[in-house]
Amino acid sequence: NEVEDIIRQLEHRISRLEGVLHLEKMITESGGKIFATNGKRADFHATMKKCKEAGGSIATPRNPGENDAILYFVKNFNTYAYLGIKESLIPSKFQFLDGTQLTYTNWYLHEPSGKGEE
């Protein structure tokens, strides 16, 4: 069947591209989610825009595995990572960008400290 052949070819091409991205340390997975980076530095708003353009969203770790996926990029690129969270109206309390309450955190001891670089 011609449609099945096209699907198999596309699946093969996607698999090859994912392999290259894994080798270049530009993509990783956790819990069925794909985490990716272009490896470039940008400010928070530019990062959110690029994520949206790629059909995704800025990373929001919801468990230790997802946190580790983000940490993978931090370590490999020796840089920081923006997360899809913000400080709520209550100082030192954080929430997802859509305003919902965080269900997972992994702050260092004595953090967040309110110094703007959490």
C-alpha atoms as a PDB file:
ATOM      1  CA  ASN A   1       0.000   0.000   0.000  1.00  0.00           C
ATOM      2  CA  GLU A   2       1.420   3.367  -1.044  1.00  0.00           C
ATOM      3  CA  VAL A   3       0.239   5.214   2.081  1.00  0.00           C
ATOM      4  CA  GLU A   4       1.853   2.633   4.362  1.00  0.00           C
ATOM      5  CA  ASP A   5       5.139   2.956   2.436  1.00  0.00           C
ATOM      6  CA  ILE A   6       5.076   6.730   2.859  1.00  0.00           C
ATOM      7  CA  ILE A   7       4.376   6.365   6.577  1.00  0.00           C
ATOM      8  CA  ARG A   8       7.285   3.909   6.969  1.00  0.00           C
ATOM      9  CA  GLN A   9       9.614   6.279   5.096  1.00  0.00           C
ATOM     10  CA  LEU A  10       8.568   9.194   7.296  1.00  0.00           C
ATOM     11  CA  GLU A  11       9.001   7.133  10.460  1.00  0.00           C
ATOM     12  CA  HIS A  12      12.484   6.128   9.277  1.00  0.00           C
ATOM     13  CA  ARG A  13      13.433   9.763   8.547  1.00  0.00           C
ATOM     14  CA  ILE A  14      12.141  10.901  11.954  1.00  0.00           C
ATOM     15  CA  SER A  15      14.086   8.119  13.670  1.00  0.00           C
ATOM     16  CA  ARG A  16      17.301   9.179  11.892  1.00  0.00           C
ATOM     17  CA  LEU A  17      16.751  12.829  12.813  1.00  0.00           C
ATOM     18  CA  GLU A  18      16.100  11.924  16.449  1.00  0.00           C
ATOM     19  CA  GLY A  19      19.313   9.882  16.433  1.00  0.00           C
ATOM     20  CA  VAL A  20      21.329  12.843  15.171  1.00  0.00           C
ATOM     21  CA  LEU A  21      19.738  15.135  17.768  1.00  0.00           C
ATOM     22  CA  HIS A  22      20.574  12.629  20.529  1.00  0.00           C
ATOM     23  CA  LEU A  23      24.191  12.469  19.341  1.00  0.00           C
ATOM     24  CA  GLU A  24      24.406  16.265  19.313  1.00  0.00           C
ATOM     25  CA  LYS A  25      22.858  16.327  22.823  1.00  0.00           C
ATOM     26  CA  MET A  26      20.030  18.539  21.554  1.00  0.00           C
ATOM     27  CA  ILE A  27      17.172  16.246  22.566  1.00  0.00           C
ATOM     28  CA  THR A  28      16.277  13.932  25.429  1.00  0.00           C
ATOM     29  CA  GLU A  29      13.135  12.226  26.689  1.00  0.00           C
ATOM     30  CA  SER A  30      11.394  11.621  29.984  1.00  0.00           C
ATOM     31  CA  GLY A  31       8.034  10.062  30.701  1.00  0.00           C
ATOM     32  CA  GLY A  32       6.937  10.222  27.076  1.00  0.00           C
ATOM     33  CA  LYS A  33       7.812  13.920  26.798  1.00  0.00           C
ATOM     34  CA  ILE A  34      10.511  15.233  24.502  1.00  0.00           C
ATOM     35  CA  PHE A  35      12.832  17.936  25.807  1.00  0.00           C
ATOM     36  CA  ALA A  36      14.892  19.810  23.236  1.00  0.00           C
ATOM     37  CA  THR A  37      17.223  22.766  22.906  1.00  0.00           C
ATOM     38  CA  ASN A  38      18.843  24.661  20.074  1.00  0.00           C
ATOM     39  CA  GLY A  39      21.865  25.229  22.306  1.00  0.00           C
ATOM     40  CA  LYS A  40      21.685  29.010  21.971  1.00  0.00           C
ATOM     41  CA  ARG A  41      21.463  31.546  24.764  1.00  0.00           C
ATOM     42  CA  ALA A  42      18.384  33.735  24.828  1.00  0.00           C
ATOM     43  CA  ASP A  43      16.289  35.701  27.271  1.00  0.00           C
ATOM     44  CA  PHE A  44      13.134  34.282  28.824  1.00  0.00           C
ATOM     45  CA  HIS A  45      10.689  35.807  26.318  1.00  0.00           C
ATOM     46  CA  ALA A  46      12.745  34.724  23.292  1.00  0.00           C
ATOM     47  CA  THR A  47      12.937  31.223  24.765  1.00  0.00           C
ATOM     48  CA  MET A  48       9.166  31.074  25.185  1.00  0.00           C
ATOM     49  CA  LYS A  49       8.680  32.306  21.604  1.00  0.00           C
ATOM     50  CA  LYS A  50      11.047  29.681  20.147  1.00  0.00           C
ATOM     51  CA  CYS A  51       9.340  26.912  22.122  1.00  0.00           C
ATOM     52  CA  LYS A  52       5.940  28.013  20.826  1.00  0.00           C
ATOM     53  CA  GLU A  53       7.226  28.227  17.233  1.00  0.00           C
ATOM     54  CA  ALA A  54       8.471  24.638  17.557  1.00  0.00           C
ATOM     55  CA  GLY A  55       5.022  23.504  18.695  1.00  0.00           C
ATOM     56  CA  GLY A  56       6.003  23.049  22.320  1.00  0.00           C
ATOM     57  CA  SER A  57       6.271  25.016  25.508  1.00  0.00           C
ATOM     58  CA  ILE A  58       8.989  26.073  27.891  1.00  0.00           C
ATOM     59  CA  ALA A  59      10.020  23.213  30.178  1.00  0.00           C
ATOM     60  CA  THR A  60       8.089  22.737  33.401  1.00  0.00           C
ATOM     61  CA  PRO A  61       9.486  19.864  35.470  1.00  0.00           C
ATOM     62  CA  ARG A  62       6.654  17.966  37.127  1.00  0.00           C
ATOM     63  CA  ASN A  63       8.686  15.083  38.553  1.00  0.00           C
ATOM     64  CA  PRO A  64      12.321  14.058  39.192  1.00  0.00           C
ATOM     65  CA  GLY A  65      12.685  12.459  35.735  1.00  0.00           C
ATOM     66  CA  GLU A  66      11.623  15.632  33.930  1.00  0.00           C
ATOM     67  CA  ASN A  67      13.870  17.676  36.208  1.00  0.00           C
ATOM     68  CA  ASP A  68      16.771  15.386  35.243  1.00  0.00           C
ATOM     69  CA  ALA A  69      15.955  15.854  31.537  1.00  0.00           C
ATOM     70  CA  ILE A  70      16.304  19.623  31.952  1.00  0.00           C
ATOM     71  CA  LEU A  71      19.441  19.198  34.062  1.00  0.00           C
ATOM     72  CA  TYR A  72      20.917  17.151  31.180  1.00  0.00           C
ATOM     73  CA  PHE A  73      20.989  20.308  29.046  1.00  0.00           C
ATOM     74  CA  VAL A  74      22.266  22.492  31.887  1.00  0.00           C
ATOM     75  CA  LYS A  75      25.217  20.147  32.366  1.00  0.00           C
ATOM     76  CA  ASN A  76      25.958  19.535  28.676  1.00  0.00           C
ATOM     77  CA  PHE A  77      25.815  23.206  27.706  1.00  0.00           C
ATOM     78  CA  ASN A  78      27.234  24.483  31.018  1.00  0.00           C
ATOM     79  CA  THR A  79      24.486  27.067  31.356  1.00  0.00           C
ATOM     80  CA  TYR A  80      21.218  27.783  33.119  1.00  0.00           C
ATOM     81  CA  ALA A  81      17.736  26.855  31.950  1.00  0.00           C
ATOM     82  CA  TYR A  82      14.533  28.829  32.068  1.00  0.00           C
ATOM     83  CA  LEU A  83      11.517  27.053  33.519  1.00  0.00           C
ATOM     84  CA  GLY A  84       7.835  27.629  32.914  1.00  0.00           C
ATOM     85  CA  ILE A  85       7.174  28.882  36.422  1.00  0.00           C
ATOM     86  CA  LYS A  86       6.858  32.299  38.020  1.00  0.00           C
ATOM     87  CA  GLU A  87       6.606  33.808  41.463  1.00  0.00           C
ATOM     88  CA  SER A  88       3.026  34.119  42.658  1.00  0.00           C
ATOM     89  CA  LEU A  89       1.518  37.158  44.368  1.00  0.00           C
ATOM     90  CA  ILE A  90       2.645  35.566  47.638  1.00  0.00           C
ATOM     91  CA  PRO A  91       6.399  36.209  47.988  1.00  0.00           C
ATOM     92  CA  SER A  92       8.608  33.100  47.782  1.00  0.00           C
ATOM     93  CA  LYS A  93       5.698  31.024  46.418  1.00  0.00           C
ATOM     94  CA  PHE A  94       5.892  29.898  42.812  1.00  0.00           C
ATOM     95  CA  GLN A  95       3.330  28.660  40.267  1.00  0.00           C
ATOM     96  CA  PHE A  96       3.142  27.523  36.660  1.00  0.00           C
ATOM     97  CA  LEU A  97       2.868  30.286  34.062  1.00  0.00           C
ATOM     98  CA  ASP A  98      -0.863  29.604  33.721  1.00  0.00           C
ATOM     99  CA  GLY A  99      -1.309  30.312  37.439  1.00  0.00           C
ATOM    100  CA  THR A 100      -1.800  26.732  38.623  1.00  0.00           C
ATOM    101  CA  GLN A 101      -0.015  25.546  41.753  1.00  0.00           C
ATOM    102  CA  LEU A 102       3.298  23.679  41.520  1.00  0.00           C
ATOM    103  CA  THR A 103       2.992  20.007  42.344  1.00  0.00           C
ATOM    104  CA  TYR A 104       6.741  19.283  42.242  1.00  0.00           C
ATOM    105  CA  THR A 105       9.733  21.324  43.381  1.00  0.00           C
ATOM    106  CA  ASN A 106      13.395  20.533  43.809  1.00  0.00           C
ATOM    107  CA  TRP A 107      14.846  23.713  45.285  1.00  0.00           C
ATOM    108  CA  TYR A 108      18.299  23.856  46.812  1.00  0.00           C
ATOM    109  CA  LEU A 109      18.437  24.327  50.578  1.00  0.00           C
ATOM    110  CA  HIS A 110      17.334  27.868  51.572  1.00  0.00           C
ATOM    111  CA  GLU A 111      15.821  28.511  48.125  1.00  0.00           C
ATOM    112  CA  PRO A 112      13.954  30.231  46.772  1.00  0.00           C
ATOM    113  CA  SER A 113      15.684  33.148  48.421  1.00  0.00           C
ATOM    114  CA  GLY A 114      13.891  35.922  46.529  1.00  0.00           C
ATOM    115  CA  LYS A 115      17.067  37.211  44.895  1.00  0.00           C
ATOM    116  CA  GLY A 116      15.687  36.757  41.369  1.00  0.00           C
ATOM    117  CA  GLU A 117      18.012  33.914  40.327  1.00  0.00           C
ATOM    118  CA  GLU A 118      16.245  30.909  41.756  1.00  0.00           C
END
